[in-house]
Amino acid sequence: MLTRSDDLEILLTVVDTGGFSAAAQTLDIQVARVSRSVSKIEKQLNVSLFNRTTRRVELTDEGRRFVEGVRQGLKHIQQTENDVISSQDLPKGQLRVDAASPFIFHQLVPLIQEFHQEYPDIQLELTSNEGFVDLVEKKTDLAIRIGELADSSLQARALGKSSLYMVASLDYLARRGTPKDQADLINHDCIGFNGPKILNQWPLKGFKSINPIMTSSNGETVRQLAIAGNGIACLSGFMVKKDLEAGRLISILEEEKLINTGREQIQAVYYKSSSVAKRITAFIDFIQVRLTL
């Protein structure tokens, strides 16, 4: 029996948002509908996709393999759809996209050339703001926002989740030692943000806020300071995963790290009645399957 595509979409939303309730809120459906879809897929596969606890849901090994396969399948479907679209009238005109500079540098810039080849008649205008912008005031069509949303007047599409990492360079850890637990952080140089305050609240149980030795308003600056050995920083995976793989940064306190704090969520927001809806949809559909969060 084939699994319905809407059930698969619900499943992926559960994974991307970290829970059944969050998925229901994102998709604007009842939690019971989410639960039925996941149960239907599990029944068809005869496996459990999630380990459920009172605090969160986590994928089983079988669930992880299935979700990876579904994402690959949807990526192929999206590519096929793009090929079909390319033979028809493509979206045209200006599209103004705003995001924090690290997201633009590490996630969007590597995709722009391919997007331009796919949609040559869309003129992209990329702007960078470290805080949330008023889309109307800043004449912005689409914004990428990191963390939980509060503005209900905006339409939102979940792009996925990017884990937080507390990181430092090997050079710094060699000089100062590796913190064994969060209490050790008081003896270390921490790099923080000028604001908002939540960015200095690291994902550790009972941990209130760091007392940074230096701060910046820009996440990319914080990253560069950490790579240069100035101290420990807390940054999103979408900007440090390659650094971790290359050994430029080392992740610490992984065993104490909290997950699903809300800060991991990444969403595209826009006004539903926007006159550039076709361009917005094209851009979101294109980047969503290519982001490396």
C-alpha atoms as a PDB file:
ATOM      1  CA  MET A   1       0.000   0.000   0.000  1.00  0.00           C
ATOM      2  CA  LEU A   2       1.400   3.422  -0.939  1.00  0.00           C
ATOM      3  CA  THR A   3       1.720   6.122   1.702  1.00  0.00           C
ATOM      4  CA  ARG A   4      -0.193   9.308   0.914  1.00  0.00           C
ATOM      5  CA  SER A   5       1.984  12.339   0.223  1.00  0.00           C
ATOM      6  CA  ASP A   6       0.125  14.472   2.784  1.00  0.00           C
ATOM      7  CA  ASP A   7       0.913  11.881   5.481  1.00  0.00           C
ATOM      8  CA  LEU A   8       4.577  12.079   4.509  1.00  0.00           C
ATOM      9  CA  GLU A   9       4.466  15.874   4.695  1.00  0.00           C
ATOM     10  CA  ILE A  10       3.011  15.633   8.197  1.00  0.00           C
ATOM     11  CA  LEU A  11       5.710  13.130   9.207  1.00  0.00           C
ATOM     12  CA  LEU A  12       8.509  15.413   7.984  1.00  0.00           C
ATOM     13  CA  THR A  13       6.962  18.372   9.775  1.00  0.00           C
ATOM     14  CA  VAL A  14       6.978  16.385  13.045  1.00  0.00           C
ATOM     15  CA  VAL A  15      10.686  15.688  12.502  1.00  0.00           C
ATOM     16  CA  ASP A  16      11.502  19.276  11.515  1.00  0.00           C
ATOM     17  CA  THR A  17       9.544  20.931  14.336  1.00  0.00           C
ATOM     18  CA  GLY A  18      10.440  18.367  17.004  1.00  0.00           C
ATOM     19  CA  GLY A  19       6.991  17.274  18.117  1.00  0.00           C
ATOM     20  CA  PHE A  20       3.377  16.435  17.287  1.00  0.00           C
ATOM     21  CA  SER A  21       1.929  19.632  18.770  1.00  0.00           C
ATOM     22  CA  ALA A  22       4.484  21.839  17.015  1.00  0.00           C
ATOM     23  CA  ALA A  23       3.771  20.099  13.713  1.00  0.00           C
ATOM     24  CA  ALA A  24       0.031  20.571  14.165  1.00  0.00           C
ATOM     25  CA  GLN A  25       0.537  24.271  14.875  1.00  0.00           C
ATOM     26  CA  THR A  26       2.809  24.725  11.850  1.00  0.00           C
ATOM     27  CA  LEU A  27       0.390  22.934   9.514  1.00  0.00           C
ATOM     28  CA  ASP A  28      -2.716  24.423  11.183  1.00  0.00           C
ATOM     29  CA  ILE A  29      -4.317  21.027  11.785  1.00  0.00           C
ATOM     30  CA  GLN A  30      -5.375  19.093  14.882  1.00  0.00           C
ATOM     31  CA  VAL A  31      -2.806  17.096  16.859  1.00  0.00           C
ATOM     32  CA  ALA A  32      -5.022  14.040  16.403  1.00  0.00           C
ATOM     33  CA  ARG A  33      -4.640  14.354  12.625  1.00  0.00           C
ATOM     34  CA  VAL A  34      -0.843  14.380  13.037  1.00  0.00           C
ATOM     35  CA  SER A  35      -0.952  11.333  15.296  1.00  0.00           C
ATOM     36  CA  ARG A  36      -3.200   9.418  12.872  1.00  0.00           C
ATOM     37  CA  SER A  37      -0.887  10.093   9.938  1.00  0.00           C
ATOM     38  CA  VAL A  38       2.222   8.930  11.805  1.00  0.00           C
ATOM     39  CA  SER A  39       0.406   5.849  13.150  1.00  0.00           C
ATOM     40  CA  LYS A  40      -0.835   5.003   9.639  1.00  0.00           C
ATOM     41  CA  ILE A  41       2.711   5.119   8.250  1.00  0.00           C
ATOM     42  CA  GLU A  42       4.044   3.037  11.157  1.00  0.00           C
ATOM     43  CA  LYS A  43       1.305   0.462  10.576  1.00  0.00           C
ATOM     44  CA  GLN A  44       2.089   0.248   6.868  1.00  0.00           C
ATOM     45  CA  LEU A  45       5.806  -0.152   7.559  1.00  0.00           C
ATOM     46  CA  ASN A  46       5.284  -2.358  10.630  1.00  0.00           C
ATOM     47  CA  VAL A  47       7.925  -0.369  12.546  1.00  0.00           C
ATOM     48  CA  SER A  48       8.005   2.399  15.154  1.00  0.00           C
ATOM     49  CA  LEU A  49       9.295   5.638  13.682  1.00  0.00           C
ATOM     50  CA  PHE A  50       9.622   7.538  16.961  1.00  0.00           C
ATOM     51  CA  ASN A  51      10.658   6.962  20.544  1.00  0.00           C
ATOM     52  CA  ARG A  52       8.077   9.001  22.414  1.00  0.00           C
ATOM     53  CA  THR A  53       8.655  10.584  25.837  1.00  0.00           C
ATOM     54  CA  THR A  54       6.700  13.188  27.760  1.00  0.00           C
ATOM     55  CA  ARG A  55       9.225  15.864  26.707  1.00  0.00           C
ATOM     56  CA  ARG A  56      10.031  15.117  23.084  1.00  0.00           C
ATOM     57  CA  VAL A  57       9.962  12.630  20.246  1.00  0.00           C
ATOM     58  CA  GLU A  58      13.095  11.205  18.683  1.00  0.00           C
ATOM     59  CA  LEU A  59      13.460   9.117  15.536  1.00  0.00           C
ATOM     60  CA  THR A  60      14.265   5.437  15.870  1.00  0.00           C
ATOM     61  CA  ASP A  61      16.980   4.001  13.623  1.00  0.00           C
ATOM     62  CA  GLU A  62      14.272   2.710  11.290  1.00  0.00           C
ATOM     63  CA  GLY A  63      12.564   6.095  11.390  1.00  0.00           C
ATOM     64  CA  ARG A  64      15.781   7.911  10.565  1.00  0.00           C
ATOM     65  CA  ARG A  65      16.408   5.693   7.532  1.00  0.00           C
ATOM     66  CA  PHE A  66      12.822   6.102   6.340  1.00  0.00           C
ATOM     67  CA  VAL A  67      12.842   9.895   6.740  1.00  0.00           C
ATOM     68  CA  GLU A  68      16.162  10.163   4.878  1.00  0.00           C
ATOM     69  CA  GLY A  69      14.673   8.101   2.062  1.00  0.00           C
ATOM     70  CA  VAL A  70      11.527  10.234   1.981  1.00  0.00           C
ATOM     71  CA  ARG A  71      13.580  13.426   1.808  1.00  0.00           C
ATOM     72  CA  GLN A  72      15.631  12.021  -1.068  1.00  0.00           C
ATOM     73  CA  GLY A  73      12.459  10.962  -2.845  1.00  0.00           C
ATOM     74  CA  LEU A  74      10.878  14.379  -2.394  1.00  0.00           C
ATOM     75  CA  LYS A  75      14.090  15.988  -3.608  1.00  0.00           C
ATOM     76  CA  HIS A  76      13.858  13.967  -6.827  1.00  0.00           C
ATOM     77  CA  ILE A  77      10.179  14.875  -7.153  1.00  0.00           C
ATOM     78  CA  GLN A  78      11.016  18.551  -6.635  1.00  0.00           C
ATOM     79  CA  GLN A  79      13.729  18.358  -9.275  1.00  0.00           C
ATOM     80  CA  THR A  80      11.289  16.754 -11.704  1.00  0.00           C
ATOM     81  CA  GLU A  81       8.728  19.453 -10.960  1.00  0.00           C
ATOM     82  CA  ASN A  82      11.368  22.121 -11.547  1.00  0.00           C
ATOM     83  CA  ASP A  83      12.214  20.536 -14.886  1.00  0.00           C
ATOM     84  CA  VAL A  84       8.547  20.630 -15.901  1.00  0.00           C
ATOM     85  CA  ILE A  85       8.167  24.209 -14.674  1.00  0.00           C
ATOM     86  CA  SER A  86      11.205  25.268 -16.654  1.00  0.00           C
ATOM     87  CA  SER A  87       9.423  24.359 -19.877  1.00  0.00           C
ATOM     88  CA  GLN A  88       6.523  26.669 -18.994  1.00  0.00           C
ATOM     89  CA  ASP A  89       6.232  30.310 -18.037  1.00  0.00           C
ATOM     90  CA  LEU A  90       8.633  30.900 -15.150  1.00  0.00           C
ATOM     91  CA  PRO A  91       8.157  33.469 -12.366  1.00  0.00           C
ATOM     92  CA  LYS A  92       9.518  36.882 -13.270  1.00  0.00           C
ATOM     93  CA  GLY A  93      10.404  40.070 -11.463  1.00  0.00           C
ATOM     94  CA  GLN A  94      12.126  41.199  -8.293  1.00  0.00           C
ATOM     95  CA  LEU A  95      12.231  39.116  -5.125  1.00  0.00           C
ATOM     96  CA  ARG A  96      13.570  40.760  -1.969  1.00  0.00           C
ATOM     97  CA  VAL A  97      14.838  38.257   0.608  1.00  0.00           C
ATOM     98  CA  ASP A  98      16.089  39.100   4.099  1.00  0.00           C
ATOM     99  CA  ALA A  99      18.052  36.866   6.475  1.00  0.00           C
ATOM    100  CA  ALA A 100      20.746  37.055   9.129  1.00  0.00           C
ATOM    101  CA  SER A 101      24.130  37.401   7.460  1.00  0.00           C
ATOM    102  CA  PRO A 102      25.461  33.972   8.598  1.00  0.00           C
ATOM    103  CA  PHE A 103      22.451  32.289   6.987  1.00  0.00           C
ATOM    104  CA  ILE A 104      23.047  34.204   3.765  1.00  0.00           C
ATOM    105  CA  PHE A 105      26.785  33.409   3.753  1.00  0.00           C
ATOM    106  CA  HIS A 106      26.573  29.720   4.649  1.00  0.00           C
ATOM    107  CA  GLN A 107      23.208  28.635   3.243  1.00  0.00           C
ATOM    108  CA  LEU A 108      21.900  30.962   0.528  1.00  0.00           C
ATOM    109  CA  VAL A 109      25.020  32.129  -1.301  1.00  0.00           C
ATOM    110  CA  PRO A 110      26.031  28.564  -2.324  1.00  0.00           C
ATOM    111  CA  LEU A 111      22.580  28.103  -3.899  1.00  0.00           C
ATOM    112  CA  ILE A 112      22.177  31.396  -5.751  1.00  0.00           C
ATOM    113  CA  GLN A 113      23.958  30.459  -8.977  1.00  0.00           C
ATOM    114  CA  GLU A 114      21.845  27.326  -9.438  1.00  0.00           C
ATOM    115  CA  PHE A 115      18.684  29.248  -8.526  1.00  0.00           C
ATOM    116  CA  HIS A 116      19.501  31.897 -11.122  1.00  0.00           C
ATOM    117  CA  GLN A 117      19.999  29.199 -13.745  1.00  0.00           C
ATOM    118  CA  GLU A 118      16.634  27.670 -12.798  1.00  0.00           C
ATOM    119  CA  TYR A 119      14.784  30.995 -12.622  1.00  0.00           C
ATOM    120  CA  PRO A 120      16.722  33.458 -14.816  1.00  0.00           C
ATOM    121  CA  ASP A 121      13.917  36.033 -14.821  1.00  0.00           C
ATOM    122  CA  ILE A 122      13.794  36.463 -11.030  1.00  0.00           C
ATOM    123  CA  GLN A 123      15.969  39.349  -9.841  1.00  0.00           C
ATOM    124  CA  LEU A 124      17.070  38.533  -6.300  1.00  0.00           C
ATOM    125  CA  GLU A 125      17.780  41.261  -3.805  1.00  0.00           C
ATOM    126  CA  LEU A 126      19.427  39.894  -0.641  1.00  0.00           C
ATOM    127  CA  THR A 127      19.494  42.004   2.511  1.00  0.00           C
ATOM    128  CA  SER A 128      21.045  41.152   5.852  1.00  0.00           C
ATOM    129  CA  ASN A 129      19.618  42.095   9.242  1.00  0.00           C
ATOM    130  CA  GLU A 130      20.619  40.503  12.530  1.00  0.00           C
ATOM    131  CA  GLY A 131      17.192  41.125  14.073  1.00  0.00           C
ATOM    132  CA  PHE A 132      13.614  40.623  12.883  1.00  0.00           C
ATOM    133  CA  VAL A 133      12.570  43.133  10.243  1.00  0.00           C
ATOM    134  CA  ASP A 134       9.168  44.605   9.455  1.00  0.00           C
ATOM    135  CA  LEU A 135       8.507  43.227   5.974  1.00  0.00           C
ATOM    136  CA  VAL A 136       6.361  46.156   4.914  1.00  0.00           C
ATOM    137  CA  GLU A 137       8.604  48.860   6.374  1.00  0.00           C
ATOM    138  CA  LYS A 138      11.742  47.338   4.843  1.00  0.00           C
ATOM    139  CA  LYS A 139       9.977  46.484   1.559  1.00  0.00           C
ATOM    140  CA  THR A 140      10.869  42.818   1.969  1.00  0.00           C
ATOM    141  CA  ASP A 141       8.982  39.992   0.251  1.00  0.00           C
ATOM    142  CA  LEU A 142      10.384  37.067   2.211  1.00  0.00           C
ATOM    143  CA  ALA A 143      12.386  36.715   5.434  1.00  0.00           C
ATOM    144  CA  ILE A 144      14.219  33.733   6.885  1.00  0.00           C
ATOM    145  CA  ARG A 145      13.739  33.709  10.635  1.00  0.00           C
ATOM    146  CA  ILE A 146      15.564  31.623  13.206  1.00  0.00           C
ATOM    147  CA  GLY A 147      13.767  30.678  16.418  1.00  0.00           C
ATOM    148  CA  GLU A 148      10.146  30.703  17.471  1.00  0.00           C
ATOM    149  CA  LEU A 149       7.751  33.064  15.715  1.00  0.00           C
ATOM    150  CA  ALA A 150       5.502  35.560  17.453  1.00  0.00           C
ATOM    151  CA  ASP A 151       3.978  37.530  14.571  1.00  0.00           C
ATOM    152  CA  SER A 152       0.723  35.746  13.683  1.00  0.00           C
ATOM    153  CA  SER A 153      -0.013  38.083  10.770  1.00  0.00           C
ATOM    154  CA  LEU A 154       2.671  36.370   8.700  1.00  0.00           C
ATOM    155  CA  GLN A 155       2.416  33.178   6.690  1.00  0.00           C
ATOM    156  CA  ALA A 156       5.181  30.756   7.651  1.00  0.00           C
ATOM    157  CA  ARG A 157       6.760  27.651   6.185  1.00  0.00           C
ATOM    158  CA  ALA A 158       9.095  25.518   8.255  1.00  0.00           C
ATOM    159  CA  LEU A 159      12.428  25.014   6.517  1.00  0.00           C
ATOM    160  CA  GLY A 160      13.818  22.656   9.145  1.00  0.00           C
ATOM    161  CA  LYS A 161      15.769  22.690  12.377  1.00  0.00           C
ATOM    162  CA  SER A 162      19.409  23.549  12.989  1.00  0.00           C
ATOM    163  CA  SER A 163      20.949  22.222  16.197  1.00  0.00           C
ATOM    164  CA  LEU A 164      22.862  24.526  18.516  1.00  0.00           C
ATOM    165  CA  TYR A 165      26.516  23.807  19.294  1.00  0.00           C
ATOM    166  CA  MET A 166      28.790  25.181  22.008  1.00  0.00           C
ATOM    167  CA  VAL A 167      32.124  25.401  20.255  1.00  0.00           C
ATOM    168  CA  ALA A 168      35.736  26.503  20.651  1.00  0.00           C
ATOM    169  CA  SER A 169      38.906  26.133  18.647  1.00  0.00           C
ATOM    170  CA  LEU A 170      41.391  23.338  19.372  1.00  0.00           C
ATOM    171  CA  ASP A 171      43.979  26.013  20.140  1.00  0.00           C
ATOM    172  CA  TYR A 172      41.762  27.617  22.790  1.00  0.00           C
ATOM    173  CA  LEU A 173      40.928  24.278  24.422  1.00  0.00           C
ATOM    174  CA  ALA A 174      44.616  23.305  24.439  1.00  0.00           C
ATOM    175  CA  ARG A 175      45.448  26.551  26.271  1.00  0.00           C
ATOM    176  CA  ARG A 176      42.508  26.704  28.672  1.00  0.00           C
ATOM    177  CA  GLY A 177      41.284  23.112  28.945  1.00  0.00           C
ATOM    178  CA  THR A 178      37.946  21.575  27.944  1.00  0.00           C
ATOM    179  CA  PRO A 179      34.961  22.307  30.236  1.00  0.00           C
ATOM    180  CA  LYS A 180      33.723  19.087  31.840  1.00  0.00           C
ATOM    181  CA  ASP A 181      30.330  20.529  32.797  1.00  0.00           C
ATOM    182  CA  GLN A 182      28.476  23.823  32.652  1.00  0.00           C
ATOM    183  CA  ALA A 183      29.902  24.909  36.017  1.00  0.00           C
ATOM    184  CA  ASP A 184      33.334  25.030  34.367  1.00  0.00           C
ATOM    185  CA  LEU A 185      32.175  27.792  32.009  1.00  0.00           C
ATOM    186  CA  ILE A 186      32.756  30.369  34.743  1.00  0.00           C
ATOM    187  CA  ASN A 187      36.480  29.752  34.297  1.00  0.00           C
ATOM    188  CA  HIS A 188      36.377  30.262  30.535  1.00  0.00           C
ATOM    189  CA  ASP A 189      36.135  33.131  28.068  1.00  0.00           C
ATOM    190  CA  CYS A 190      32.677  33.139  26.515  1.00  0.00           C
ATOM    191  CA  ILE A 191      31.809  35.006  23.327  1.00  0.00           C
ATOM    192  CA  GLY A 192      28.267  36.361  23.240  1.00  0.00           C
ATOM    193  CA  PHE A 193      25.834  38.597  21.392  1.00  0.00           C
ATOM    194  CA  ASN A 194      24.864  42.220  21.976  1.00  0.00           C
ATOM    195  CA  GLY A 195      21.239  41.158  21.758  1.00  0.00           C
ATOM    196  CA  PRO A 196      18.640  39.804  21.924  1.00  0.00           C
ATOM    197  CA  LYS A 197      19.280  38.327  25.374  1.00  0.00           C
ATOM    198  CA  ILE A 198      18.049  34.844  24.409  1.00  0.00           C
ATOM    199  CA  LEU A 199      21.152  34.391  22.236  1.00  0.00           C
ATOM    200  CA  ASN A 200      23.275  34.374  25.412  1.00  0.00           C
ATOM    201  CA  GLN A 201      21.090  31.728  27.058  1.00  0.00           C
ATOM    202  CA  TRP A 202      22.932  28.576  26.113  1.00  0.00           C
ATOM    203  CA  PRO A 203      21.037  25.246  25.795  1.00  0.00           C
ATOM    204  CA  LEU A 204      22.023  23.799  29.171  1.00  0.00           C
ATOM    205  CA  LYS A 205      19.566  22.706  31.859  1.00  0.00           C
ATOM    206  CA  GLY A 206      19.219  25.325  34.577  1.00  0.00           C
ATOM    207  CA  PHE A 207      21.713  27.617  32.836  1.00  0.00           C
ATOM    208  CA  LYS A 208      20.582  31.239  32.862  1.00  0.00           C
ATOM    209  CA  SER A 209      22.986  33.276  30.798  1.00  0.00           C
ATOM    210  CA  ILE A 210      26.675  33.641  30.057  1.00  0.00           C
ATOM    211  CA  ASN A 211      28.781  36.590  31.165  1.00  0.00           C
ATOM    212  CA  PRO A 212      30.558  37.209  27.862  1.00  0.00           C
ATOM    213  CA  ILE A 213      34.101  38.537  27.716  1.00  0.00           C
ATOM    214  CA  MET A 214      33.309  39.980  24.278  1.00  0.00           C
ATOM    215  CA  THR A 215      30.155  40.400  22.190  1.00  0.00           C
ATOM    216  CA  SER A 216      29.000  41.099  18.668  1.00  0.00           C
ATOM    217  CA  SER A 217      25.679  41.725  16.973  1.00  0.00           C
ATOM    218  CA  ASN A 218      26.734  39.490  14.077  1.00  0.00           C
ATOM    219  CA  GLY A 219      26.818  35.699  14.228  1.00  0.00           C
ATOM    220  CA  GLU A 220      29.517  35.456  11.576  1.00  0.00           C
ATOM    221  CA  THR A 221      31.753  37.698  13.667  1.00  0.00           C
ATOM    222  CA  VAL A 222      31.164  35.462  16.693  1.00  0.00           C
ATOM    223  CA  ARG A 223      32.083  32.433  14.569  1.00  0.00           C
ATOM    224  CA  GLN A 224      35.303  34.040  13.364  1.00  0.00           C
ATOM    225  CA  LEU A 225      36.229  35.041  16.922  1.00  0.00           C
ATOM    226  CA  ALA A 226      35.757  31.430  18.057  1.00  0.00           C
ATOM    227  CA  ILE A 227      37.798  30.024  15.163  1.00  0.00           C
ATOM    228  CA  ALA A 228      40.577  32.498  16.013  1.00  0.00           C
ATOM    229  CA  GLY A 229      40.786  31.054  19.532  1.00  0.00           C
ATOM    230  CA  ASN A 230      39.176  33.884  21.497  1.00  0.00           C
ATOM    231  CA  GLY A 231      36.819  31.696  23.518  1.00  0.00           C
ATOM    232  CA  ILE A 232      33.698  29.524  23.564  1.00  0.00           C
ATOM    233  CA  ALA A 233      30.595  30.439  21.541  1.00  0.00           C
ATOM    234  CA  CYS A 234      27.131  28.987  21.016  1.00  0.00           C
ATOM    235  CA  LEU A 235      26.161  28.909  17.336  1.00  0.00           C
ATOM    236  CA  SER A 236      23.715  27.200  14.993  1.00  0.00           C
ATOM    237  CA  GLY A 237      24.737  24.120  13.063  1.00  0.00           C
ATOM    238  CA  PHE A 238      23.932  25.745   9.723  1.00  0.00           C
ATOM    239  CA  MET A 239      27.029  27.923  10.167  1.00  0.00           C
ATOM    240  CA  VAL A 240      29.479  25.655  12.057  1.00  0.00           C
ATOM    241  CA  LYS A 241      28.873  22.098  10.809  1.00  0.00           C
ATOM    242  CA  LYS A 242      31.642  22.384   8.217  1.00  0.00           C
ATOM    243  CA  ASP A 243      33.946  23.856  10.868  1.00  0.00           C
ATOM    244  CA  LEU A 244      33.249  20.874  13.124  1.00  0.00           C
ATOM    245  CA  GLU A 245      33.891  18.427  10.289  1.00  0.00           C
ATOM    246  CA  ALA A 246      37.142  20.179   9.355  1.00  0.00           C
ATOM    247  CA  GLY A 247      38.341  20.470  12.966  1.00  0.00           C
ATOM    248  CA  ARG A 248      38.361  24.274  12.971  1.00  0.00           C
ATOM    249  CA  LEU A 249      35.946  24.125  15.890  1.00  0.00           C
ATOM    250  CA  ILE A 250      35.318  21.491  18.559  1.00  0.00           C
ATOM    251  CA  SER A 251      31.888  20.851  20.091  1.00  0.00           C
ATOM    252  CA  ILE A 252      31.775  20.734  23.905  1.00  0.00           C
ATOM    253  CA  LEU A 253      29.236  19.750  26.584  1.00  0.00           C
ATOM    254  CA  GLU A 254      27.249  17.635  24.105  1.00  0.00           C
ATOM    255  CA  GLU A 255      26.028  15.295  26.854  1.00  0.00           C
ATOM    256  CA  GLU A 256      24.520  18.216  28.806  1.00  0.00           C
ATOM    257  CA  LYS A 257      23.037  20.007  25.787  1.00  0.00           C
ATOM    258  CA  LEU A 258      19.283  20.513  25.608  1.00  0.00           C
ATOM    259  CA  ILE A 259      17.492  20.010  22.304  1.00  0.00           C
ATOM    260  CA  ASN A 260      14.257  21.420  20.906  1.00  0.00           C
ATOM    261  CA  THR A 261      14.603  24.710  22.771  1.00  0.00           C
ATOM    262  CA  GLY A 262      12.753  26.590  20.019  1.00  0.00           C
ATOM    263  CA  ARG A 263      15.883  28.370  18.852  1.00  0.00           C
ATOM    264  CA  GLU A 264      16.599  25.542  16.408  1.00  0.00           C
ATOM    265  CA  GLN A 265      13.558  26.313  14.251  1.00  0.00           C
ATOM    266  CA  ILE A 266      14.145  27.976  10.886  1.00  0.00           C
ATOM    267  CA  GLN A 267      11.188  29.312   8.952  1.00  0.00           C
ATOM    268  CA  ALA A 268      10.403  31.381   5.894  1.00  0.00           C
ATOM    269  CA  VAL A 269       7.839  34.117   6.552  1.00  0.00           C
ATOM    270  CA  TYR A 270       5.870  36.300   4.178  1.00  0.00           C
ATOM    271  CA  TYR A 271       2.435  37.861   3.732  1.00  0.00           C
ATOM    272  CA  LYS A 272      -0.076  35.397   2.310  1.00  0.00           C
ATOM    273  CA  SER A 273      -1.690  37.924  -0.021  1.00  0.00           C
ATOM    274  CA  SER A 274       1.645  38.989  -1.468  1.00  0.00           C
ATOM    275  CA  SER A 275       1.571  39.878  -5.149  1.00  0.00           C
ATOM    276  CA  VAL A 276       4.895  38.069  -5.574  1.00  0.00           C
ATOM    277  CA  ALA A 277       3.539  34.758  -4.221  1.00  0.00           C
ATOM    278  CA  LYS A 278       4.709  32.776  -7.258  1.00  0.00           C
ATOM    279  CA  ARG A 279       8.282  34.030  -6.858  1.00  0.00           C
ATOM    280  CA  ILE A 280       8.193  33.365  -3.120  1.00  0.00           C
ATOM    281  CA  THR A 281       6.954  29.805  -3.620  1.00  0.00           C
ATOM    282  CA  ALA A 282       9.605  29.154  -6.254  1.00  0.00           C
ATOM    283  CA  PHE A 283      12.373  30.378  -3.954  1.00  0.00           C
ATOM    284  CA  ILE A 284      11.210  28.467  -0.871  1.00  0.00           C
ATOM    285  CA  ASP A 285      10.642  25.237  -2.813  1.00  0.00           C
ATOM    286  CA  PHE A 286      14.096  25.553  -4.359  1.00  0.00           C
ATOM    287  CA  ILE A 287      16.105  26.194  -1.180  1.00  0.00           C
ATOM    288  CA  GLN A 288      14.188  23.912   1.190  1.00  0.00           C
ATOM    289  CA  VAL A 289      15.508  20.658  -0.284  1.00  0.00           C
ATOM    290  CA  ARG A 290      19.042  22.031  -0.612  1.00  0.00           C
ATOM    291  CA  LEU A 291      19.685  23.617   2.787  1.00  0.00           C
ATOM    292  CA  THR A 292      22.306  21.945   4.979  1.00  0.00           C
ATOM    293  CA  LEU A 293      21.004  22.808   8.418  1.00  0.00           C
END
